[in-house]
């Protein structure tokens, strides 16, 4: 590779020549076989990129035409094999020579040097400072460009003279179309599209929800040109997202209702393609600075994660006490066993020994399971901590300093699903009784009975009224809330709670007139008597006092939590 100005182009050219040589040998070895045998061998050699429709189309061709079509080359990396075969049939019927026999053909150049065409039009590396021609007179091959000959860009544009202009118009038009669809709420952004899906397949998948105007695959690059129709009918393929096996696309509907329906139905939808499972993430694309109008349509997507939204949905996990030399790949490998990881953000190290990071999962359930599995677990030769990410500003900013010394009347709430957020509990409390001044979710857990939240009230009467209303209240289908009043406390600190051990529940009574669970302790309004020790174990350092007129054995069984 000595004296190579563009080694990448040289390697690609040699690889293409080797591919052509192998194909020629493959065809020569099957010159005397039957048409059916030729089709079977071709399908077996291209099994990863050819489907049943393409195979049937090949089997229906005449032997001479079949030989010409297959002689064009393999179907490697073709996303729509049926369409490619139809194009090859048309080319063969028109008598067009195959690309490897006529290397000056535009198709061959575009397909071979699709990644280096922009540099080829600029003369390779000659546009950079300190290049081979810097400070010298203009080379002969470039001087011919003034006459319209000799320039690599001018030579490539000769077969399609209107190509540059049409491409520019197409880009301008597509940008206007995208902006208009975004402003009107008709643009559906889809992540997780199977890598071999074509534009027509995407249209067929989403057309049930409304008429589709067009589909645009992001990061598209020009692969094949259709000479019969010009540049404006170019076939676009999408690059795979880095580190993944999926693509993303914009789907433009005729109406906002169609885009909304598609997002509601297809978001978090599992699709199967060629024995591989893919998960679609759909959202309505809005212009910068505006928010989507439902939480479901604004969930974070790979590559475009909304960290604030993910934190509000309890999908962000905070990992701490990681060794200082832990890499992002190691964290990815550790966390992906518990679900789909959307993003990892490593915080700057405060010291050289440990680091911390935020891990955004695809769903609150996956985050809850990961916290349960990794908290106080052994990893990377040490014990790490995992907890739900909490906004620091909510803990450090004291918008109301008096809240730190107010004597609150707390109410503990359990048995709610792990995808619950604070706003859901606040809305439920406001529905059944007086609104609470503060609500905090202390712990998420896949087991509903271990998920803990606390609501804080200024008045004891308000707390007791909500207690009666929420006891046995069906928060969500299959989730009857368990509530219990806690002793009066100062501030809204987390306190101490065992997250992994089920706590004893207060006694319940079945009332024929009112079918709900009633905790005993809050319903008793009896003056307390002076503290009297009822249990004293000097060796264990344990001393329990009874401040209730109830028997000691009854009180020991239902000590409050926290």
Protein backbone atom coordinates (compact mmCIF):
# COMPACT_ATOMS: atom_id res chain seq x y z
CA UNK A 1 0.00 0.00 0.00
CA UNK A 2 2.99 2.30 -0.39
CA UNK A 3 2.29 5.76 -1.89
CA UNK A 4 -1.48 5.21 -1.58
CA UNK A 5 -3.32 8.51 -1.23
CA UNK A 6 -6.54 6.79 -0.14
CA UNK A 7 -5.87 3.32 1.30
CA UNK A 8 -9.55 2.83 2.18
CA UNK A 9 -10.57 3.20 -1.45
CA UNK A 10 -7.78 0.85 -2.56
CA UNK A 11 -8.87 -1.83 -0.08
CA UNK A 12 -12.50 -1.50 -1.13
CA UNK A 13 -11.52 -1.75 -4.79
CA UNK A 14 -9.48 -4.88 -4.17
CA UNK A 15 -12.30 -6.39 -2.13
CA UNK A 16 -14.77 -5.69 -4.91
CA UNK A 17 -12.45 -7.23 -7.52
CA UNK A 18 -12.06 -10.32 -5.35
CA UNK A 19 -15.84 -10.52 -4.98
CA UNK A 20 -16.30 -10.29 -8.75
CA UNK A 21 -13.67 -12.95 -9.36
CA UNK A 22 -15.37 -15.34 -6.95
CA UNK A 23 -18.74 -14.70 -8.62
CA UNK A 24 -17.33 -15.37 -12.09
CA UNK A 25 -15.88 -18.66 -10.90
CA UNK A 26 -19.20 -19.53 -9.25
CA UNK A 27 -21.09 -18.90 -12.50
CA UNK A 28 -18.60 -20.80 -14.65
CA UNK A 29 -18.90 -23.85 -12.40
CA UNK A 30 -22.68 -23.94 -13.04
CA UNK A 31 -22.74 -23.28 -16.76
CA UNK A 32 -24.14 -26.74 -17.56
CA UNK A 33 -26.64 -27.14 -14.71
CA UNK A 34 -30.41 -26.92 -15.13
CA UNK A 35 -32.38 -23.73 -14.48
CA UNK A 36 -33.97 -25.12 -11.33
CA UNK A 37 -30.59 -26.22 -9.97
CA UNK A 38 -29.18 -22.76 -10.72
CA UNK A 39 -32.02 -21.13 -8.78
CA UNK A 40 -31.56 -23.50 -5.85
CA UNK A 41 -27.82 -22.86 -5.68
CA UNK A 42 -28.31 -19.09 -5.93
CA UNK A 43 -30.93 -19.09 -3.18
CA UNK A 44 -28.72 -21.23 -0.94
CA UNK A 45 -25.77 -18.90 -1.46
CA UNK A 46 -27.91 -15.82 -0.64
CA UNK A 47 -30.17 -17.32 2.00
CA UNK A 48 -29.63 -14.41 4.41
CA UNK A 49 -30.80 -11.76 1.94
CA UNK A 50 -33.41 -13.46 -0.26
CA UNK A 51 -37.03 -14.25 0.54
CA UNK A 52 -39.76 -16.53 -0.82
CA UNK A 53 -41.18 -13.93 -3.23
CA UNK A 54 -37.79 -13.34 -4.82
CA UNK A 55 -37.21 -17.08 -5.16
CA UNK A 56 -40.56 -17.56 -6.90
CA UNK A 57 -39.80 -14.66 -9.23
CA UNK A 58 -36.48 -16.23 -10.24
CA UNK A 59 -38.09 -19.64 -10.81
CA UNK A 60 -40.62 -18.10 -13.23
CA UNK A 61 -37.94 -16.72 -15.61
CA UNK A 62 -36.81 -18.26 -18.87
CA UNK A 63 -33.40 -20.01 -18.70
CA UNK A 64 -31.58 -17.39 -20.80
CA UNK A 65 -33.05 -14.46 -18.86
CA UNK A 66 -32.47 -16.28 -15.58
CA UNK A 67 -28.79 -16.70 -16.39
CA UNK A 68 -28.42 -12.97 -17.15
CA UNK A 69 -30.21 -11.92 -13.97
CA UNK A 70 -28.15 -14.16 -11.71
CA UNK A 71 -25.00 -13.18 -13.58
CA UNK A 72 -25.39 -9.62 -12.25
CA UNK A 73 -24.06 -10.76 -8.88
CA UNK A 74 -25.07 -11.86 -5.42
CA UNK A 75 -27.87 -10.36 -3.33
CA UNK A 76 -25.60 -9.49 -0.44
CA UNK A 77 -27.03 -6.79 1.89
CA UNK A 78 -30.11 -6.30 -0.31
CA UNK A 79 -33.03 -5.09 1.83
CA UNK A 80 -35.68 -5.65 -0.85
CA UNK A 81 -34.54 -8.62 -2.98
CA UNK A 82 -37.73 -8.75 -5.06
CA UNK A 83 -37.32 -5.13 -6.17
CA UNK A 84 -33.63 -5.68 -6.99
CA UNK A 85 -34.45 -8.73 -9.11
CA UNK A 86 -37.12 -6.76 -11.02
CA UNK A 87 -34.58 -4.06 -11.76
CA UNK A 88 -32.10 -6.65 -12.98
CA UNK A 89 -34.78 -8.21 -15.21
CA UNK A 90 -35.46 -4.83 -16.84
CA UNK A 91 -31.75 -4.21 -17.34
CA UNK A 92 -31.27 -7.67 -18.86
CA UNK A 93 -34.23 -7.18 -21.22
CA UNK A 94 -32.76 -3.86 -22.37
CA UNK A 95 -29.49 -5.60 -23.14
CA UNK A 96 -27.49 -3.73 -20.52
CA UNK A 97 -24.11 -5.33 -19.77
CA UNK A 98 -23.35 -6.53 -16.28
CA UNK A 99 -21.39 -4.17 -14.08
CA UNK A 100 -18.27 -6.32 -13.74
CA UNK A 101 -17.82 -6.41 -17.53
CA UNK A 102 -18.08 -2.64 -17.90
CA UNK A 103 -16.41 -0.98 -14.95
CA UNK A 104 -17.01 2.45 -16.38
CA UNK A 105 -20.69 1.99 -15.72
CA UNK A 106 -22.11 4.53 -13.27
CA UNK A 107 -23.90 1.83 -11.29
CA UNK A 108 -20.67 0.01 -10.64
CA UNK A 109 -18.89 3.20 -9.53
CA UNK A 110 -21.73 4.25 -7.25
CA UNK A 111 -21.99 0.82 -5.66
CA UNK A 112 -18.25 0.38 -5.23
CA UNK A 113 -17.22 3.87 -4.13
CA UNK A 114 -20.42 5.04 -2.44
CA UNK A 115 -18.53 5.94 0.72
CA UNK A 116 -15.77 7.94 -1.01
CA UNK A 117 -17.70 9.74 -3.77
CA UNK A 118 -17.60 13.11 -1.97
CA UNK A 119 -13.82 12.84 -1.60
CA UNK A 120 -13.46 11.65 -5.19
CA UNK A 121 -15.29 14.74 -6.46
CA UNK A 122 -12.90 16.92 -4.47
CA UNK A 123 -9.82 15.09 -5.72
CA UNK A 124 -9.27 12.84 -2.70
CA UNK A 125 -7.18 14.54 -0.02
CA UNK A 126 -6.07 17.43 -2.20
CA UNK A 127 -8.49 19.79 -0.48
CA UNK A 128 -6.71 19.49 2.87
CA UNK A 129 -3.91 21.69 4.03
CA UNK A 130 -0.49 20.29 3.40
CA UNK A 131 -1.76 17.91 0.73
CA UNK A 132 0.19 16.61 -2.19
CA UNK A 133 -0.70 19.53 -4.49
CA UNK A 134 -0.52 22.36 -1.92
CA UNK A 135 1.86 25.06 -3.04
CA UNK A 136 2.23 23.57 -6.55
CA UNK A 137 0.82 24.41 -9.91
CA UNK A 138 -2.55 22.96 -10.84
CA UNK A 139 -2.20 19.34 -12.06
CA UNK A 140 -3.08 18.46 -15.63
CA UNK A 141 -6.05 16.28 -14.76
CA UNK A 142 -7.60 19.09 -12.74
CA UNK A 143 -6.98 21.75 -15.39
CA UNK A 144 -9.17 19.75 -17.77
CA UNK A 145 -12.09 20.35 -15.40
CA UNK A 146 -12.45 23.84 -16.86
CA UNK A 147 -13.36 22.28 -20.20
CA UNK A 148 -15.81 19.82 -18.64
CA UNK A 149 -13.47 16.84 -19.09
CA UNK A 150 -11.09 14.98 -16.82
CA UNK A 151 -12.75 15.85 -13.52
CA UNK A 152 -13.85 12.78 -11.64
CA UNK A 153 -17.00 14.59 -10.53
CA UNK A 154 -17.78 15.83 -14.02
CA UNK A 155 -17.16 12.39 -15.51
CA UNK A 156 -19.51 10.74 -13.02
CA UNK A 157 -22.23 13.28 -13.68
CA UNK A 158 -22.21 12.87 -17.48
CA UNK A 159 -24.69 9.94 -17.64
CA UNK A 160 -27.14 11.86 -15.42
CA UNK A 161 -26.57 15.56 -16.03
CA UNK A 162 -29.54 16.64 -13.94
CA UNK A 163 -28.51 14.54 -10.96
CA UNK A 164 -26.86 17.22 -8.75
CA UNK A 165 -29.68 19.69 -9.25
CA UNK A 166 -32.40 17.12 -8.69
CA UNK A 167 -30.66 15.87 -5.56
CA UNK A 168 -30.44 19.39 -4.17
CA UNK A 169 -34.12 19.99 -4.89
CA UNK A 170 -34.97 16.67 -3.28
CA UNK A 171 -33.06 17.53 -0.11
CA UNK A 172 -34.71 20.93 0.07
CA UNK A 173 -38.14 19.48 -0.52
CA UNK A 174 -37.68 16.68 2.00
CA UNK A 175 -36.56 19.21 4.63
CA UNK A 176 -39.64 21.35 4.06
CA UNK A 177 -41.84 18.27 4.15
CA UNK A 178 -40.29 17.13 7.43
CA UNK A 179 -40.66 20.55 9.04
CA UNK A 180 -44.28 20.83 7.92
CA UNK A 181 -45.13 17.35 9.22
CA UNK A 182 -43.45 18.09 12.58
CA UNK A 183 -45.35 21.36 13.03
CA UNK A 184 -48.65 19.64 12.21
CA UNK A 185 -48.00 16.68 14.53
CA UNK A 186 -48.05 14.13 11.68
CA UNK A 187 -44.47 12.89 12.07
CA UNK A 188 -44.00 9.55 13.82
CA UNK A 189 -40.46 8.76 14.95
CA UNK A 190 -39.79 5.02 15.11
CA UNK A 191 -36.72 3.39 16.67
CA UNK A 192 -36.00 -0.33 16.51
CA UNK A 193 -36.95 -0.97 12.89
CA UNK A 194 -35.57 -4.36 11.77
CA UNK A 195 -32.43 -3.76 9.73
CA UNK A 196 -33.69 -5.53 6.58
CA UNK A 197 -37.08 -3.80 6.37
CA UNK A 198 -37.65 -1.75 3.24
CA UNK A 199 -39.68 1.45 2.92
CA UNK A 200 -42.59 -0.50 1.45
CA UNK A 201 -42.55 -2.90 4.41
CA UNK A 202 -42.65 0.00 6.85
CA UNK A 203 -45.59 1.51 4.98
CA UNK A 204 -47.44 -1.82 5.01
CA UNK A 205 -46.83 -2.16 8.76
CA UNK A 206 -48.19 1.28 9.74
CA UNK A 207 -50.88 1.88 7.10
CA UNK A 208 -53.54 0.27 9.31
CA UNK A 209 -53.52 3.37 11.53
CA UNK A 210 -53.95 5.95 8.76
CA UNK A 211 -52.88 7.00 5.30
CA UNK A 212 -49.10 7.41 5.02
CA UNK A 213 -47.70 10.27 3.00
CA UNK A 214 -44.09 9.07 2.95
CA UNK A 215 -41.36 7.32 4.96
CA UNK A 216 -37.90 8.72 5.54
CA UNK A 217 -35.11 6.52 6.88
CA UNK A 218 -32.63 8.52 8.93
CA UNK A 219 -28.93 8.75 8.04
CA UNK A 220 -29.76 7.56 4.54
CA UNK A 221 -27.00 7.22 2.04
CA UNK A 222 -27.16 6.77 -1.73
CA UNK A 223 -26.60 3.14 -2.63
CA UNK A 224 -28.21 2.40 -5.98
CA UNK A 225 -29.30 4.67 -8.82
CA UNK A 226 -32.19 3.87 -11.10
CA UNK A 227 -31.02 5.13 -14.52
CA UNK A 228 -34.50 4.97 -16.02
CA UNK A 229 -35.93 7.54 -13.62
CA UNK A 230 -33.00 9.67 -12.50
CA UNK A 231 -31.64 10.72 -9.12
CA UNK A 232 -34.95 11.71 -7.60
CA UNK A 233 -35.99 8.04 -7.50
CA UNK A 234 -32.86 6.87 -5.74
CA UNK A 235 -33.11 3.89 -3.42
CA UNK A 236 -32.14 4.78 0.16
CA UNK A 237 -30.72 2.46 2.77
CA UNK A 238 -30.18 3.29 6.42
CA UNK A 239 -27.01 2.79 8.41
CA UNK A 240 -27.33 0.62 11.47
CA UNK A 241 -27.22 2.47 14.76
CA UNK A 242 -23.86 2.17 16.43
CA UNK A 243 -23.69 -0.84 18.70
CA UNK A 244 -27.18 -2.06 17.80
CA UNK A 245 -28.95 -4.15 15.19
CA UNK A 246 -31.78 -1.77 14.43
CA UNK A 247 -32.64 1.33 12.47
CA UNK A 248 -34.83 4.39 12.93
CA UNK A 249 -37.28 6.10 10.57
CA UNK A 250 -39.70 8.99 10.25
CA UNK A 251 -43.21 8.04 9.10
CA UNK A 252 -45.27 10.96 7.76
CA UNK A 253 -49.04 10.45 8.06
CA UNK A 254 -51.72 12.47 6.29
CA UNK A 255 -53.38 13.40 9.60
CA UNK A 256 -52.18 13.87 13.20
CA UNK A 257 -54.77 11.30 14.34
CA UNK A 258 -53.09 8.58 12.29
CA UNK A 259 -49.67 9.33 13.77
CA UNK A 260 -51.10 9.41 17.30
CA UNK A 261 -52.93 6.11 16.87
CA UNK A 262 -49.80 4.45 15.48
CA UNK A 263 -47.71 5.73 18.41
CA UNK A 264 -50.21 4.50 21.00
CA UNK A 265 -50.56 1.05 19.43
CA UNK A 266 -47.00 0.36 18.30
CA UNK A 267 -44.95 1.91 21.11
CA UNK A 268 -43.03 -0.82 22.98
CA UNK A 269 -44.33 -3.34 20.46
CA UNK A 270 -42.40 -6.56 19.82
CA UNK A 271 -42.02 -7.59 16.18
CA UNK A 272 -40.31 -10.67 14.78
CA UNK A 273 -38.35 -10.66 11.54
CA UNK A 274 -36.32 -13.60 10.28
CA UNK A 275 -36.40 -15.36 13.65
CA UNK A 276 -35.09 -12.24 15.43
CA UNK A 277 -37.13 -10.15 17.88
CA UNK A 278 -37.14 -6.36 17.65
CA UNK A 279 -38.86 -3.80 19.89
CA UNK A 280 -40.36 -0.69 18.32
CA UNK A 281 -40.25 2.59 20.24
CA UNK A 282 -42.64 5.14 18.74
CA UNK A 283 -43.13 8.81 19.61
CA UNK A 284 -44.62 11.90 18.00
CA UNK A 285 -41.87 14.18 16.76
CA UNK A 286 -42.33 17.82 17.76
CA UNK A 287 -40.26 20.87 17.00
CA UNK A 288 -37.39 21.66 19.35
CA UNK A 289 -38.40 23.04 22.72
CA UNK A 290 -41.92 21.61 22.81
CA UNK A 291 -43.05 18.53 24.71
CA UNK A 292 -45.28 15.70 23.65
CA UNK A 293 -48.73 15.65 25.18
CA UNK A 294 -48.69 12.22 26.80
CA UNK A 295 -46.11 10.43 28.88
CA UNK A 296 -46.34 7.30 26.75
CA UNK A 297 -45.47 9.18 23.57
CA UNK A 298 -42.50 10.95 25.13
CA UNK A 299 -40.63 8.02 26.61
CA UNK A 300 -36.90 8.08 26.07
CA UNK A 301 -35.47 6.41 23.00
CA UNK A 302 -32.01 5.04 22.30
CA UNK A 303 -29.88 7.87 21.04
CA UNK A 304 -32.49 10.46 22.07
CA UNK A 305 -33.02 9.74 25.78
CA UNK A 306 -34.94 12.33 27.76
CA UNK A 307 -33.21 11.93 31.11
CA UNK A 308 -35.67 14.14 32.98
CA UNK A 309 -38.61 12.15 31.66
CA UNK A 310 -36.85 8.87 32.45
CA UNK A 311 -36.26 9.98 36.03
CA UNK A 312 -39.91 10.99 36.48
CA UNK A 313 -40.95 7.57 35.19
CA UNK A 314 -38.61 5.81 37.66
CA UNK A 315 -36.49 4.30 34.88
CA UNK A 316 -33.13 5.75 36.01
CA UNK A 317 -30.94 3.80 38.44
CA UNK A 318 -28.07 5.32 40.38
CA UNK A 319 -25.06 2.99 40.78
CA UNK A 320 -22.39 4.03 43.27
CA UNK A 321 -19.20 2.71 44.87
CA UNK A 322 -17.95 1.38 41.55
CA UNK A 323 -14.16 0.94 41.24
CA UNK A 324 -12.44 3.93 39.68
CA UNK A 325 -11.19 1.93 36.68
CA UNK A 326 -14.64 0.60 35.70
CA UNK A 327 -15.42 1.25 32.03
CA UNK A 328 -18.76 1.93 30.37
CA UNK A 329 -18.60 -1.42 28.58
CA UNK A 330 -18.27 -3.22 31.90
CA UNK A 331 -21.28 -1.35 33.31
CA UNK A 332 -23.22 -2.16 30.15
CA UNK A 333 -22.40 -5.85 30.49
CA UNK A 334 -23.41 -5.81 34.16
CA UNK A 335 -26.75 -4.03 33.69
CA UNK A 336 -28.00 -5.45 30.40
CA UNK A 337 -28.77 -8.75 32.13
CA UNK A 338 -31.71 -7.01 33.82
CA UNK A 339 -33.29 -5.41 30.74
CA UNK A 340 -32.73 -3.04 27.83
CA UNK A 341 -30.25 -0.28 28.70
CA UNK A 342 -31.04 2.99 26.93
CA UNK A 343 -28.19 5.13 28.24
CA UNK A 344 -25.29 5.13 30.69
CA UNK A 345 -23.91 8.38 32.09
CA UNK A 346 -20.75 8.09 34.20
CA UNK A 347 -20.26 10.96 36.65
CA UNK A 348 -16.88 12.65 37.06
CA UNK A 349 -14.87 10.86 39.72
CA UNK A 350 -14.74 12.70 43.06
CA UNK A 351 -11.76 10.58 44.06
CA UNK A 352 -9.52 7.99 42.48
CA UNK A 353 -10.99 4.99 44.26
CA UNK A 354 -14.71 4.98 43.33
CA UNK A 355 -17.05 6.38 40.69
CA UNK A 356 -20.83 6.53 40.20
CA UNK A 357 -23.13 6.51 37.19
CA UNK A 358 -26.75 6.79 36.07
CA UNK A 359 -28.23 3.90 34.07
CA UNK A 360 -31.47 4.55 32.15
CA UNK A 361 -33.57 1.45 31.54
CA UNK A 362 -36.38 0.95 29.07
CA UNK A 363 -39.13 0.43 31.66
CA UNK A 364 -39.68 1.08 35.38
CA UNK A 365 -40.02 -2.66 35.98
CA UNK A 366 -36.55 -3.36 34.64
CA UNK A 367 -35.14 -0.56 36.82
CA UNK A 368 -36.85 -2.00 39.91
CA UNK A 369 -35.54 -5.51 39.23
CA UNK A 370 -32.03 -4.18 38.66
CA UNK A 371 -32.07 -2.24 41.95
CA UNK A 372 -33.22 -5.33 43.77
CA UNK A 373 -30.48 -7.47 42.20
CA UNK A 374 -27.51 -5.07 42.38
CA UNK A 375 -28.03 -3.21 45.65
CA UNK A 376 -25.33 -4.39 48.09
CA UNK A 377 -24.21 -6.94 45.49
CA UNK A 378 -20.66 -8.07 44.75
CA UNK A 379 -19.36 -6.73 41.42
CA UNK A 380 -15.93 -5.77 40.09
CA UNK A 381 -14.34 -7.07 43.28
CA UNK A 382 -16.30 -4.79 45.62
CA UNK A 383 -19.77 -4.16 47.02
CA UNK A 384 -21.82 -1.70 44.97
CA UNK A 385 -24.99 0.21 45.77
CA UNK A 386 -28.02 0.61 43.50
CA UNK A 387 -30.93 2.94 44.13
CA UNK A 388 -33.55 4.91 42.29
CA UNK A 389 -32.22 8.22 40.99
CA UNK A 390 -33.55 11.21 42.98
CA UNK A 391 -33.26 14.79 41.80
CA UNK A 392 -30.69 16.52 44.00
CA UNK A 393 -32.45 19.85 43.75
CA UNK A 394 -35.51 18.41 45.46
CA UNK A 395 -33.39 17.48 48.47
CA UNK A 396 -31.04 20.46 48.69
CA UNK A 397 -33.20 23.40 47.64
CA UNK A 398 -35.26 24.51 50.62
CA UNK A 399 -38.00 26.52 48.98
CA UNK A 400 -39.93 26.36 52.26
CA UNK A 401 -37.46 26.29 55.20
CA UNK A 402 -40.29 25.81 57.69
CA UNK A 403 -40.94 22.37 56.17
CA UNK A 404 -37.80 21.11 57.91
CA UNK A 405 -39.19 21.65 61.40
CA UNK A 406 -42.96 21.26 60.85
CA UNK A 407 -44.42 18.38 62.81
CA UNK A 408 -45.97 16.32 60.01
CA UNK A 409 -48.57 13.59 60.31
CA UNK A 410 -47.19 10.89 57.98
CA UNK A 411 -49.19 8.15 56.30
CA UNK A 412 -47.39 5.10 54.91
CA UNK A 413 -48.76 3.54 51.71
CA UNK A 414 -47.90 0.11 50.32
CA UNK A 415 -48.95 -2.41 47.67
CA UNK A 416 -48.74 -0.18 44.60
CA UNK A 417 -47.11 -1.20 41.27
CA UNK A 418 -43.48 -0.33 40.69
CA UNK A 419 -44.30 1.96 37.75
CA UNK A 420 -46.18 4.37 40.03
CA UNK A 421 -44.94 7.96 40.20
CA UNK A 422 -45.50 10.62 42.85
CA UNK A 423 -48.14 12.41 40.77
CA UNK A 424 -50.24 9.23 40.65
CA UNK A 425 -50.35 8.96 44.45
CA UNK A 426 -51.06 12.67 44.85
CA UNK A 427 -53.96 12.44 42.42
CA UNK A 428 -55.39 9.42 44.22
CA UNK A 429 -55.24 11.15 47.61
CA UNK A 430 -56.90 14.28 46.20
CA UNK A 431 -59.67 12.09 44.77
CA UNK A 432 -60.64 10.37 48.02
CA UNK A 433 -59.99 13.11 50.58
CA UNK A 434 -57.95 16.19 51.57
CA UNK A 435 -54.79 16.75 49.56
CA UNK A 436 -51.45 16.01 51.19
CA UNK A 437 -48.73 18.63 51.41
CA UNK A 438 -45.90 16.23 50.57
CA UNK A 439 -45.64 12.78 48.95
CA UNK A 440 -42.44 10.78 48.69
CA UNK A 441 -41.86 7.32 47.25
CA UNK A 442 -39.37 5.75 49.61
CA UNK A 443 -38.73 2.51 47.74
CA UNK A 444 -39.70 0.73 44.52
CA UNK A 445 -39.81 -3.04 44.45
CA UNK A 446 -41.14 -5.64 41.98
CA UNK A 447 -43.14 -7.06 44.90
CA UNK A 448 -45.99 -4.52 45.39
CA UNK A 449 -46.17 -5.09 49.15
CA UNK A 450 -42.54 -3.95 49.46
CA UNK A 451 -43.02 -0.70 47.53
CA UNK A 452 -43.27 2.08 50.11
CA UNK A 453 -44.53 5.66 49.86
CA UNK A 454 -45.31 8.29 52.46
CA UNK A 455 -47.79 11.14 52.39
CA UNK A 456 -47.39 14.02 54.85
CA UNK A 457 -50.27 16.07 56.28
CA UNK A 458 -50.32 19.19 58.43
CA UNK A 459 -53.53 18.20 60.22
CA UNK A 460 -54.15 14.91 61.95
CA UNK A 461 -57.83 14.96 60.95
CA UNK A 462 -56.89 15.15 57.26
CA UNK A 463 -54.48 12.24 57.70
CA UNK A 464 -57.11 10.10 59.42
CA UNK A 465 -59.74 10.89 56.79
CA UNK A 466 -57.41 9.83 53.96
CA UNK A 467 -56.43 6.75 55.98
CA UNK A 468 -60.03 5.58 56.14
CA UNK A 469 -60.62 6.24 52.45
CA UNK A 470 -57.43 4.62 51.15
CA UNK A 471 -57.58 1.43 53.23
CA UNK A 472 -58.40 -1.28 50.71
CA UNK A 473 -58.71 1.28 47.87
CA UNK A 474 -58.01 -0.37 44.50
CA UNK A 475 -55.27 1.90 43.21
CA UNK A 476 -54.89 -0.14 40.02
CA UNK A 477 -56.64 -3.37 38.97
CA UNK A 478 -55.35 -6.03 41.35
CA UNK A 479 -53.54 -3.56 43.65
CA UNK A 480 -55.49 -2.83 46.86
CA UNK A 481 -53.59 -0.24 48.89
CA UNK A 482 -52.37 -0.99 52.41
CA UNK A 483 -52.04 2.14 54.56
CA UNK A 484 -50.86 2.82 58.09
CA UNK A 485 -50.42 5.97 60.16
CA UNK A 486 -46.91 6.65 61.48
CA UNK A 487 -45.88 8.63 64.56
CA UNK A 488 -45.63 12.37 64.17
CA UNK A 489 -42.24 13.39 62.80
CA UNK A 490 -40.22 16.45 61.82
CA UNK A 491 -39.33 16.96 58.14
CA UNK A 492 -39.75 14.48 55.31
CA UNK A 493 -36.49 12.55 55.56
CA UNK A 494 -36.38 9.00 54.30
CA UNK A 495 -35.74 7.48 57.71
CA UNK A 496 -34.75 3.81 57.91
CA UNK A 497 -36.68 1.11 56.09
CA UNK A 498 -35.75 -2.45 55.34
CA UNK A 499 -36.35 -2.76 51.61
CA UNK A 500 -35.89 -6.49 51.36
CA UNK A 501 -37.75 -7.79 54.40
CA UNK A 502 -41.57 -7.74 54.44
CA UNK A 503 -42.79 -5.61 57.32
CA UNK A 504 -45.62 -6.68 59.67
CA UNK A 505 -48.99 -5.25 58.69
CA UNK A 506 -51.55 -3.70 61.08
CA UNK A 507 -54.60 -5.80 62.07
CA UNK A 508 -57.67 -5.56 59.87
CA UNK A 509 -61.36 -5.83 60.65
CA UNK A 510 -64.13 -6.97 58.33
CA UNK A 511 -67.12 -4.65 58.61
CA UNK A 512 -70.34 -5.65 56.88
CA UNK A 513 -71.32 -2.03 56.39
CA UNK A 514 -68.00 -0.91 54.93
CA UNK A 515 -65.78 -3.36 53.05
CA UNK A 516 -62.31 -1.90 53.64
CA UNK A 517 -59.29 -2.65 55.79
CA UNK A 518 -59.05 -0.49 58.89
CA UNK A 519 -55.74 -0.29 60.76
CA UNK A 520 -56.30 -0.50 64.50
CA UNK A 521 -53.78 1.97 65.91
CA UNK A 522 -54.95 5.15 64.11
CA UNK A 523 -58.55 4.46 65.10
CA UNK A 524 -57.72 4.39 68.82
CA UNK A 525 -57.82 7.83 70.43
CA UNK A 526 -57.02 6.98 74.06
CA UNK A 527 -54.70 9.07 76.21
CA UNK A 528 -51.41 7.34 76.81
CA UNK A 529 -49.98 6.57 80.22
CA UNK A 530 -46.37 6.98 81.36
CA UNK A 531 -43.83 4.71 79.72
CA UNK A 532 -43.45 1.36 81.42
CA UNK A 533 -40.75 -1.13 80.44
CA UNK A 534 -42.24 -4.40 79.31
CA UNK A 535 -39.14 -6.10 77.91
CA UNK A 536 -35.53 -5.69 78.97
CA UNK A 537 -32.70 -7.89 77.64
CA UNK A 538 -29.41 -6.52 79.06
CA UNK A 539 -27.19 -8.94 77.12
CA UNK A 540 -28.71 -7.91 73.80
CA UNK A 541 -28.91 -4.20 74.63
CA UNK A 542 -32.64 -4.17 73.81
CA UNK A 543 -35.24 -2.27 75.83
CA UNK A 544 -38.85 -1.89 74.69
CA UNK A 545 -41.24 0.46 76.42
CA UNK A 546 -45.03 0.44 76.25
CA UNK A 547 -46.71 3.86 76.02
CA UNK A 548 -50.11 2.43 75.13
CA UNK A 549 -52.88 1.26 77.45
CA UNK A 550 -53.09 -1.90 75.35
CA UNK A 551 -51.55 -5.12 76.66
CA UNK A 552 -47.82 -5.47 76.13
CA UNK A 553 -48.12 -8.65 74.05
CA UNK A 554 -50.46 -6.86 71.61
CA UNK A 555 -48.21 -3.81 71.24
CA UNK A 556 -45.07 -5.86 70.55
CA UNK A 557 -46.66 -7.49 67.51
CA UNK A 558 -47.42 -4.22 65.70
CA UNK A 559 -44.59 -1.77 66.27
CA UNK A 560 -44.71 1.03 63.66
CA UNK A 561 -42.14 1.21 60.88
CA UNK A 562 -39.48 3.93 60.58
